[in-house]
């Protein structure tokens, strides 16, 4: 699939997910998430138009989506169970994710201007915040479909981390399609979780044992 095709295909798919989100929420959507989806649609168009020249705008718009999503996911977090983050498996997972992100930054640093490097570091911290939020929701195990948001976080990290490598270092059409697929799946799973998962009030939370 050529870039000229993807520039129309991806935004249309994301816009369809936006309409689906509004339909699922029965006309009462979270407008913060709509803003995020609109931002990512514009970001996708700019990505396939000229990733290098429009890099700063792409990172800003993608960051807006991640910030909006993180603010919404914050409502699903339960601060009283933050001790679960200390689980060994979680620490290993976070260390692995941090190492992957560090490795990507190390590869990209030679291909980015100082300005673009600043934007890259900015979106990296925002991405880490989003992924950690997804992981905590999954670990707390209060929501039956928490696997959706964890998978969304993993795919989102894959998409954001590998897109610059594909554009700046080693471009292949096949890799572009795979990255696009993970991008769409990530947004779909996040949308599905936010649209279908009712926030459990703190007083109604039931402690689960593993």
Protein backbone atom coordinates (compact mmCIF):
# COMPACT_ATOMS: atom_id res chain seq x y z
CA UNK A 1 0.00 0.00 0.00
CA UNK A 2 1.58 3.30 -1.15
CA UNK A 3 1.84 6.44 0.98
CA UNK A 4 -0.52 8.21 -1.41
CA UNK A 5 -3.12 5.60 -0.50
CA UNK A 6 -2.41 5.63 3.22
CA UNK A 7 -2.82 9.42 3.41
CA UNK A 8 -6.51 8.84 2.62
CA UNK A 9 -7.02 5.39 4.11
CA UNK A 10 -5.74 6.00 7.67
CA UNK A 11 -7.57 9.29 8.41
CA UNK A 12 -10.80 7.83 7.03
CA UNK A 13 -10.47 4.77 9.27
CA UNK A 14 -9.77 6.92 12.34
CA UNK A 15 -12.70 9.21 11.47
CA UNK A 16 -14.90 6.12 11.22
CA UNK A 17 -13.75 5.14 14.71
CA UNK A 18 -14.66 8.64 15.87
CA UNK A 19 -18.19 8.21 14.52
CA UNK A 20 -18.40 4.75 16.09
CA UNK A 21 -17.32 6.23 19.43
CA UNK A 22 -20.07 8.85 19.26
CA UNK A 23 -22.58 6.15 18.34
CA UNK A 24 -21.53 3.82 21.18
CA UNK A 25 -21.73 6.63 23.74
CA UNK A 26 -25.23 7.42 22.46
CA UNK A 27 -24.65 11.11 21.85
CA UNK A 28 -22.91 11.67 25.20
CA UNK A 29 -19.23 11.34 24.30
CA UNK A 30 -16.27 12.65 26.22
CA UNK A 31 -15.37 15.70 24.14
CA UNK A 32 -11.80 15.51 25.37
CA UNK A 33 -11.41 12.23 23.51
CA UNK A 34 -13.01 13.71 20.38
CA UNK A 35 -10.40 16.49 20.46
CA UNK A 36 -7.71 13.83 20.77
CA UNK A 37 -9.05 11.84 17.82
CA UNK A 38 -9.27 14.95 15.63
CA UNK A 39 -5.67 15.78 16.55
CA UNK A 40 -4.45 12.29 15.61
CA UNK A 41 -6.35 12.40 12.29
CA UNK A 42 -4.55 15.62 11.35
CA UNK A 43 -1.27 14.11 12.57
CA UNK A 44 -1.77 11.09 10.31
CA UNK A 45 -2.38 13.28 7.28
CA UNK A 46 0.80 15.27 7.97
CA UNK A 47 2.77 12.06 8.57
CA UNK A 48 2.09 10.71 5.10
CA UNK A 49 2.40 14.14 3.49
CA UNK A 50 5.93 15.07 4.67
CA UNK A 51 7.13 13.50 7.92
CA UNK A 52 10.48 15.28 7.97
CA UNK A 53 9.34 18.86 7.33
CA UNK A 54 6.20 18.56 9.48
CA UNK A 55 7.80 16.56 12.30
CA UNK A 56 7.21 19.20 14.99
CA UNK A 57 3.50 19.49 14.18
CA UNK A 58 3.15 15.72 14.03
CA UNK A 59 4.67 15.29 17.51
CA UNK A 60 2.54 18.11 18.95
CA UNK A 61 -0.71 16.69 17.54
CA UNK A 62 0.16 13.14 18.60
CA UNK A 63 1.00 14.45 22.07
CA UNK A 64 -2.42 16.11 22.25
CA UNK A 65 -4.06 12.73 21.56
CA UNK A 66 -1.93 11.02 24.22
CA UNK A 67 -2.60 13.76 26.78
CA UNK A 68 -6.37 13.66 26.16
CA UNK A 69 -6.38 9.86 26.45
CA UNK A 70 -4.24 9.93 29.61
CA UNK A 71 -6.53 12.49 31.27
CA UNK A 72 -9.53 10.26 30.54
CA UNK A 73 -7.74 7.12 31.76
CA UNK A 74 -6.86 8.94 34.99
CA UNK A 75 -10.49 8.50 36.01
CA UNK A 76 -10.03 4.71 35.91
CA UNK A 77 -7.02 4.73 38.22
CA UNK A 78 -7.26 3.89 41.89
CA UNK A 79 -4.53 5.57 43.92
CA UNK A 80 -5.05 3.26 46.87
CA UNK A 81 -3.65 0.33 44.89
CA UNK A 82 -0.48 1.95 43.59
CA UNK A 83 1.50 -0.57 45.64
CA UNK A 84 0.71 -3.07 42.89
CA UNK A 85 3.18 -1.22 40.69
CA UNK A 86 5.91 -2.73 42.83
CA UNK A 87 5.19 -6.19 41.45
CA UNK A 88 8.37 -7.61 39.95
CA UNK A 89 6.76 -8.36 36.59
CA UNK A 90 5.57 -4.77 36.30
CA UNK A 91 8.99 -3.36 37.12
CA UNK A 92 10.56 -5.61 34.51
CA UNK A 93 7.97 -4.53 31.96
CA UNK A 94 8.52 -0.83 32.64
CA UNK A 95 12.29 -1.25 32.51
CA UNK A 96 11.97 -3.06 29.20
CA UNK A 97 9.73 -0.34 27.78
CA UNK A 98 12.15 2.34 29.00
CA UNK A 99 15.07 0.50 27.40
CA UNK A 100 13.24 0.23 24.08
CA UNK A 101 12.44 3.94 24.10
CA UNK A 102 16.03 4.80 25.06
CA UNK A 103 17.36 2.61 22.24
CA UNK A 104 15.07 4.34 19.73
CA UNK A 105 16.19 7.78 20.92
CA UNK A 106 19.81 6.69 20.67
CA UNK A 107 19.24 5.66 17.04
CA UNK A 108 17.40 8.84 16.14
CA UNK A 109 19.62 11.42 17.82
CA UNK A 110 21.96 11.60 14.81
CA UNK A 111 19.07 12.17 12.43
CA UNK A 112 17.24 14.90 14.34
CA UNK A 113 17.86 18.62 14.59
CA UNK A 114 18.07 20.14 18.08
CA UNK A 115 14.51 21.45 17.75
CA UNK A 116 13.10 18.11 16.65
CA UNK A 117 15.03 16.39 19.43
CA UNK A 118 13.22 18.55 21.98
CA UNK A 119 9.86 17.56 20.50
CA UNK A 120 10.96 13.91 20.52
CA UNK A 121 11.89 14.02 24.20
CA UNK A 122 8.57 15.74 24.97
CA UNK A 123 6.45 13.10 23.28
CA UNK A 124 8.57 10.35 24.85
CA UNK A 125 7.64 11.46 28.38
CA UNK A 126 3.99 11.83 27.38
CA UNK A 127 4.02 8.37 25.81
CA UNK A 128 5.55 6.84 28.95
CA UNK A 129 2.80 8.47 31.04
CA UNK A 130 0.13 7.01 28.77
CA UNK A 131 1.64 3.52 28.77
CA UNK A 132 2.06 3.53 32.56
CA UNK A 133 -1.60 4.57 32.95
CA UNK A 134 -2.65 1.66 30.74
CA UNK A 135 -0.47 -0.73 32.74
CA UNK A 136 -1.82 0.41 36.11
CA UNK A 137 -5.43 -0.02 34.98
CA UNK A 138 -4.59 -3.55 33.86
CA UNK A 139 -2.71 -4.43 37.05
CA UNK A 140 -5.43 -3.11 39.35
CA UNK A 141 -7.76 -5.65 37.69
CA UNK A 142 -10.98 -3.80 38.47
CA UNK A 143 -12.20 -3.85 34.88
CA UNK A 144 -12.96 -7.05 32.96
CA UNK A 145 -11.74 -5.59 29.65
CA UNK A 146 -8.56 -3.99 31.01
CA UNK A 147 -6.60 -6.15 28.54
CA UNK A 148 -7.90 -3.85 25.81
CA UNK A 149 -6.24 -0.76 27.21
CA UNK A 150 -2.98 -2.56 27.98
CA UNK A 151 -2.79 -3.86 24.40
CA UNK A 152 -3.61 -0.39 23.15
CA UNK A 153 -0.69 1.04 25.13
CA UNK A 154 1.73 -1.56 23.77
CA UNK A 155 0.66 -1.01 20.16
CA UNK A 156 0.79 2.76 20.65
CA UNK A 157 4.36 2.52 21.91
CA UNK A 158 5.26 0.32 18.93
CA UNK A 159 3.73 2.81 16.49
CA UNK A 160 5.30 5.95 17.94
CA UNK A 161 8.71 4.42 18.56
CA UNK A 162 9.13 2.78 15.16
CA UNK A 163 7.62 5.42 12.88
CA UNK A 164 10.66 7.76 13.10
CA UNK A 165 13.01 4.84 12.45
CA UNK A 166 11.00 3.91 9.38
CA UNK A 167 10.98 7.49 8.14
CA UNK A 168 14.50 8.65 9.02
CA UNK A 169 16.70 5.55 9.05
CA UNK A 170 15.34 2.59 7.11
CA UNK A 171 12.15 2.96 5.10
CA UNK A 172 10.20 -0.04 3.80
CA UNK A 173 6.65 -0.10 2.48
CA UNK A 174 5.84 -3.30 4.35
CA UNK A 175 6.99 -1.82 7.64
CA UNK A 176 4.89 1.28 6.97
CA UNK A 177 1.77 -0.85 6.55
CA UNK A 178 2.50 -2.83 9.75
CA UNK A 179 3.03 0.37 11.71
CA UNK A 180 -0.22 1.77 10.34
CA UNK A 181 -2.12 -1.37 11.32
CA UNK A 182 -0.82 -1.25 14.91
CA UNK A 183 -1.68 2.46 15.02
CA UNK A 184 -5.29 1.84 14.01
CA UNK A 185 -5.64 -1.14 16.38
CA UNK A 186 -4.23 0.92 19.25
CA UNK A 187 -6.78 3.69 18.73
CA UNK A 188 -9.64 1.22 18.23
CA UNK A 189 -8.88 -0.63 21.49
CA UNK A 190 -8.52 2.61 23.43
CA UNK A 191 -11.78 3.91 21.98
CA UNK A 192 -13.56 0.65 22.79
CA UNK A 193 -12.32 0.67 26.38
CA UNK A 194 -13.27 4.31 27.01
CA UNK A 195 -16.65 4.01 25.26
CA UNK A 196 -17.78 0.72 26.83
CA UNK A 197 -16.15 0.70 30.27
CA UNK A 198 -18.09 2.39 33.02
CA UNK A 199 -15.94 4.08 35.64
CA UNK A 200 -16.25 2.34 39.01
CA UNK A 201 -16.59 4.76 41.89
CA UNK A 202 -14.05 4.40 44.67
CA UNK A 203 -16.66 3.38 47.25
CA UNK A 204 -17.83 0.56 44.98
CA UNK A 205 -14.45 -0.93 44.35
CA UNK A 206 -14.06 -4.52 45.49
CA UNK A 207 -10.62 -5.72 46.30
CA UNK A 208 -9.49 -8.60 44.15
CA UNK A 209 -6.88 -11.09 45.18
CA UNK A 210 -4.48 -12.77 42.82
